[in-house]
């Protein structure tokens, strides 16, 4: 994801969950390995994560405002968690099948800076109960 001031987006899908229709979703957790490089400094300022369904549309987001310092080391980041419903009433029908995806948005905060946020190994965990 190459940045130049404004946000760039990365869509990750293909999770193909099969949560029972009568299950209650208690939380959603997204983990990813992030590598952040800039030329020149600073690193990207914000990393937002959104939950989407390509049929029903936007589900919810978390404006995590997570920053990752310029580094040559991959940093594991976690968004949400077992009891985090992302301020939404997330249902099995929204996350089941191939229509569900996670959207990453990175913003470097300066039109004059170029950055690159490498996002790898995205894992989504749906907690029920």
C-alpha atoms as a PDB file:
ATOM      1  CA  UNK A   1       0.000   0.000   0.000  1.00  0.00           C
ATOM      2  CA  UNK A   2       1.908   3.064  -1.223  1.00  0.00           C
ATOM      3  CA  UNK A   3       0.863   6.371   0.328  1.00  0.00           C
ATOM      4  CA  UNK A   4       1.116   9.988  -0.701  1.00  0.00           C
ATOM      5  CA  UNK A   5      -0.666  12.069   1.894  1.00  0.00           C
ATOM      6  CA  UNK A   6      -4.150  10.732   1.322  1.00  0.00           C
ATOM      7  CA  UNK A   7      -5.398   7.341   2.387  1.00  0.00           C
ATOM      8  CA  UNK A   8      -4.785   4.246   0.351  1.00  0.00           C
ATOM      9  CA  UNK A   9      -6.856   1.135   0.906  1.00  0.00           C
ATOM     10  CA  UNK A  10      -6.254  -2.598   1.029  1.00  0.00           C
ATOM     11  CA  UNK A  11      -9.232  -4.959   0.868  1.00  0.00           C
ATOM     12  CA  UNK A  12      -8.784  -8.438   2.412  1.00  0.00           C
ATOM     13  CA  UNK A  13     -11.419 -11.119   1.984  1.00  0.00           C
ATOM     14  CA  UNK A  14     -11.973 -14.776   1.283  1.00  0.00           C
ATOM     15  CA  UNK A  15     -12.465 -15.721   4.929  1.00  0.00           C
ATOM     16  CA  UNK A  16     -15.635 -17.740   4.152  1.00  0.00           C
ATOM     17  CA  UNK A  17     -16.941 -17.966   7.719  1.00  0.00           C
ATOM     18  CA  UNK A  18     -19.809 -20.332   8.464  1.00  0.00           C
ATOM     19  CA  UNK A  19     -21.135 -19.068  11.799  1.00  0.00           C
ATOM     20  CA  UNK A  20     -24.500 -20.638  12.757  1.00  0.00           C
ATOM     21  CA  UNK A  21     -27.375 -18.233  12.038  1.00  0.00           C
ATOM     22  CA  UNK A  22     -28.589 -18.336  15.671  1.00  0.00           C
ATOM     23  CA  UNK A  23     -25.141 -17.618  17.177  1.00  0.00           C
ATOM     24  CA  UNK A  24     -24.520 -14.312  18.911  1.00  0.00           C
ATOM     25  CA  UNK A  25     -21.303 -12.568  17.902  1.00  0.00           C
ATOM     26  CA  UNK A  26     -19.513 -11.199  20.960  1.00  0.00           C
ATOM     27  CA  UNK A  27     -16.434  -9.824  19.247  1.00  0.00           C
ATOM     28  CA  UNK A  28     -14.334  -9.474  16.125  1.00  0.00           C
ATOM     29  CA  UNK A  29     -10.539  -9.447  16.163  1.00  0.00           C
ATOM     30  CA  UNK A  30      -8.333  -8.583  13.211  1.00  0.00           C
ATOM     31  CA  UNK A  31      -4.593  -9.223  13.367  1.00  0.00           C
ATOM     32  CA  UNK A  32      -2.002  -8.353  10.758  1.00  0.00           C
ATOM     33  CA  UNK A  33       1.733  -7.989  10.401  1.00  0.00           C
ATOM     34  CA  UNK A  34       2.601  -4.407   9.459  1.00  0.00           C
ATOM     35  CA  UNK A  35       5.841  -3.073   8.009  1.00  0.00           C
ATOM     36  CA  UNK A  36       6.011   0.707   7.712  1.00  0.00           C
ATOM     37  CA  UNK A  37       8.621   2.568   5.680  1.00  0.00           C
ATOM     38  CA  UNK A  38       8.728   6.251   4.768  1.00  0.00           C
ATOM     39  CA  UNK A  39      10.880   8.503   2.634  1.00  0.00           C
ATOM     40  CA  UNK A  40      11.432  10.841   4.447  1.00  0.00           C
ATOM     41  CA  UNK A  41       9.953  10.642   7.956  1.00  0.00           C
ATOM     42  CA  UNK A  42       7.363  10.543   9.543  1.00  0.00           C
ATOM     43  CA  UNK A  43       5.765   7.090   9.359  1.00  0.00           C
ATOM     44  CA  UNK A  44       2.097   6.776   8.476  1.00  0.00           C
ATOM     45  CA  UNK A  45       0.012   8.559  11.070  1.00  0.00           C
ATOM     46  CA  UNK A  46      -3.154   6.505  11.223  1.00  0.00           C
ATOM     47  CA  UNK A  47      -4.308   3.026  10.378  1.00  0.00           C
ATOM     48  CA  UNK A  48      -8.049   2.502  10.192  1.00  0.00           C
ATOM     49  CA  UNK A  49      -9.743  -0.876   9.881  1.00  0.00           C
ATOM     50  CA  UNK A  50     -13.282  -1.303   8.562  1.00  0.00           C
ATOM     51  CA  UNK A  51     -15.588  -4.319   8.275  1.00  0.00           C
ATOM     52  CA  UNK A  52     -17.584  -4.623   5.047  1.00  0.00           C
ATOM     53  CA  UNK A  53     -19.993  -6.937   3.286  1.00  0.00           C
ATOM     54  CA  UNK A  54     -20.026  -6.523  -0.494  1.00  0.00           C
ATOM     55  CA  UNK A  55     -23.784  -7.207  -0.639  1.00  0.00           C
ATOM     56  CA  UNK A  56     -25.112  -5.286   2.368  1.00  0.00           C
ATOM     57  CA  UNK A  57     -22.322  -2.666   2.503  1.00  0.00           C
ATOM     58  CA  UNK A  58     -20.453  -1.040   5.363  1.00  0.00           C
ATOM     59  CA  UNK A  59     -20.745  -2.843   8.708  1.00  0.00           C
ATOM     60  CA  UNK A  60     -18.568  -0.865  11.116  1.00  0.00           C
ATOM     61  CA  UNK A  61     -15.116   0.568  11.624  1.00  0.00           C
ATOM     62  CA  UNK A  62     -12.572   1.217  14.289  1.00  0.00           C
ATOM     63  CA  UNK A  63     -10.533   4.376  13.966  1.00  0.00           C
ATOM     64  CA  UNK A  64      -7.598   2.849  15.713  1.00  0.00           C
ATOM     65  CA  UNK A  65      -5.217   5.733  15.076  1.00  0.00           C
ATOM     66  CA  UNK A  66      -2.483   3.165  15.430  1.00  0.00           C
ATOM     67  CA  UNK A  67       0.938   4.292  14.390  1.00  0.00           C
ATOM     68  CA  UNK A  68       3.894   2.235  13.392  1.00  0.00           C
ATOM     69  CA  UNK A  69       7.319   3.817  13.567  1.00  0.00           C
ATOM     70  CA  UNK A  70       9.543   3.659  10.528  1.00  0.00           C
ATOM     71  CA  UNK A  71      11.219   0.338  10.863  1.00  0.00           C
ATOM     72  CA  UNK A  72      12.599  -2.594   8.958  1.00  0.00           C
ATOM     73  CA  UNK A  73      10.895  -4.909  11.445  1.00  0.00           C
ATOM     74  CA  UNK A  74       7.429  -6.337  10.991  1.00  0.00           C
ATOM     75  CA  UNK A  75       5.118  -5.244  13.807  1.00  0.00           C
ATOM     76  CA  UNK A  76       2.152  -7.469  14.692  1.00  0.00           C
ATOM     77  CA  UNK A  77      -0.968  -5.358  15.322  1.00  0.00           C
ATOM     78  CA  UNK A  78      -4.319  -6.377  16.784  1.00  0.00           C
ATOM     79  CA  UNK A  79      -7.586  -4.543  16.198  1.00  0.00           C
ATOM     80  CA  UNK A  80     -10.719  -5.354  18.195  1.00  0.00           C
ATOM     81  CA  UNK A  81     -10.921  -8.425  20.397  1.00  0.00           C
ATOM     82  CA  UNK A  82     -13.104 -11.135  21.975  1.00  0.00           C
ATOM     83  CA  UNK A  83     -15.537  -8.638  23.543  1.00  0.00           C
ATOM     84  CA  UNK A  84     -15.261  -5.860  20.944  1.00  0.00           C
ATOM     85  CA  UNK A  85     -18.311  -5.625  18.686  1.00  0.00           C
ATOM     86  CA  UNK A  86     -16.927  -2.583  16.851  1.00  0.00           C
ATOM     87  CA  UNK A  87     -19.881  -0.474  18.039  1.00  0.00           C
ATOM     88  CA  UNK A  88     -22.206  -2.507  15.824  1.00  0.00           C
ATOM     89  CA  UNK A  89     -24.718  -5.334  16.069  1.00  0.00           C
ATOM     90  CA  UNK A  90     -22.719  -7.709  13.870  1.00  0.00           C
ATOM     91  CA  UNK A  91     -24.693 -10.735  12.704  1.00  0.00           C
ATOM     92  CA  UNK A  92     -23.633 -14.112  11.257  1.00  0.00           C
ATOM     93  CA  UNK A  93     -25.283 -13.205   7.934  1.00  0.00           C
ATOM     94  CA  UNK A  94     -22.920 -10.230   7.595  1.00  0.00           C
ATOM     95  CA  UNK A  95     -19.712 -12.222   8.103  1.00  0.00           C
ATOM     96  CA  UNK A  96     -20.621 -15.591   6.555  1.00  0.00           C
ATOM     97  CA  UNK A  97     -19.593 -16.544   3.039  1.00  0.00           C
ATOM     98  CA  UNK A  98     -17.403 -14.782   0.537  1.00  0.00           C
ATOM     99  CA  UNK A  99     -19.048 -11.333   0.778  1.00  0.00           C
ATOM    100  CA  UNK A 100     -17.327 -10.316   4.045  1.00  0.00           C
ATOM    101  CA  UNK A 101     -14.061  -8.388   3.909  1.00  0.00           C
ATOM    102  CA  UNK A 102     -11.778  -6.171   5.975  1.00  0.00           C
ATOM    103  CA  UNK A 103     -10.620  -2.832   4.609  1.00  0.00           C
ATOM    104  CA  UNK A 104      -7.360  -1.246   5.825  1.00  0.00           C
ATOM    105  CA  UNK A 105      -6.884   2.506   5.298  1.00  0.00           C
ATOM    106  CA  UNK A 106      -3.551   4.175   6.007  1.00  0.00           C
ATOM    107  CA  UNK A 107      -2.914   7.914   6.105  1.00  0.00           C
ATOM    108  CA  UNK A 108       0.539   9.430   6.279  1.00  0.00           C
ATOM    109  CA  UNK A 109      -0.655  12.966   7.020  1.00  0.00           C
ATOM    110  CA  UNK A 110       1.611  14.919   4.659  1.00  0.00           C
ATOM    111  CA  UNK A 111       1.279  15.417   0.900  1.00  0.00           C
ATOM    112  CA  UNK A 112       5.049  15.787   0.570  1.00  0.00           C
ATOM    113  CA  UNK A 113       5.913  12.471   2.178  1.00  0.00           C
ATOM    114  CA  UNK A 114       5.714   9.081   0.543  1.00  0.00           C
ATOM    115  CA  UNK A 115       5.237   5.978   2.585  1.00  0.00           C
ATOM    116  CA  UNK A 116       4.591   2.348   2.239  1.00  0.00           C
ATOM    117  CA  UNK A 117       2.619   0.259   4.663  1.00  0.00           C
ATOM    118  CA  UNK A 118       3.046  -3.431   3.990  1.00  0.00           C
ATOM    119  CA  UNK A 119       0.182  -5.421   5.462  1.00  0.00           C
ATOM    120  CA  UNK A 120       0.559  -9.201   5.545  1.00  0.00           C
ATOM    121  CA  UNK A 121      -0.857 -12.277   7.245  1.00  0.00           C
ATOM    122  CA  UNK A 122      -4.316 -10.851   7.949  1.00  0.00           C
ATOM    123  CA  UNK A 123      -6.320 -13.072  10.294  1.00  0.00           C
ATOM    124  CA  UNK A 124      -9.924 -12.429  11.339  1.00  0.00           C
ATOM    125  CA  UNK A 125     -11.360 -14.189  14.377  1.00  0.00           C
ATOM    126  CA  UNK A 126     -15.117 -14.113  15.053  1.00  0.00           C
ATOM    127  CA  UNK A 127     -16.002 -14.759  18.701  1.00  0.00           C
ATOM    128  CA  UNK A 128     -19.437 -16.139  19.571  1.00  0.00           C
ATOM    129  CA  UNK A 129     -21.268 -16.560  22.828  1.00  0.00           C
END
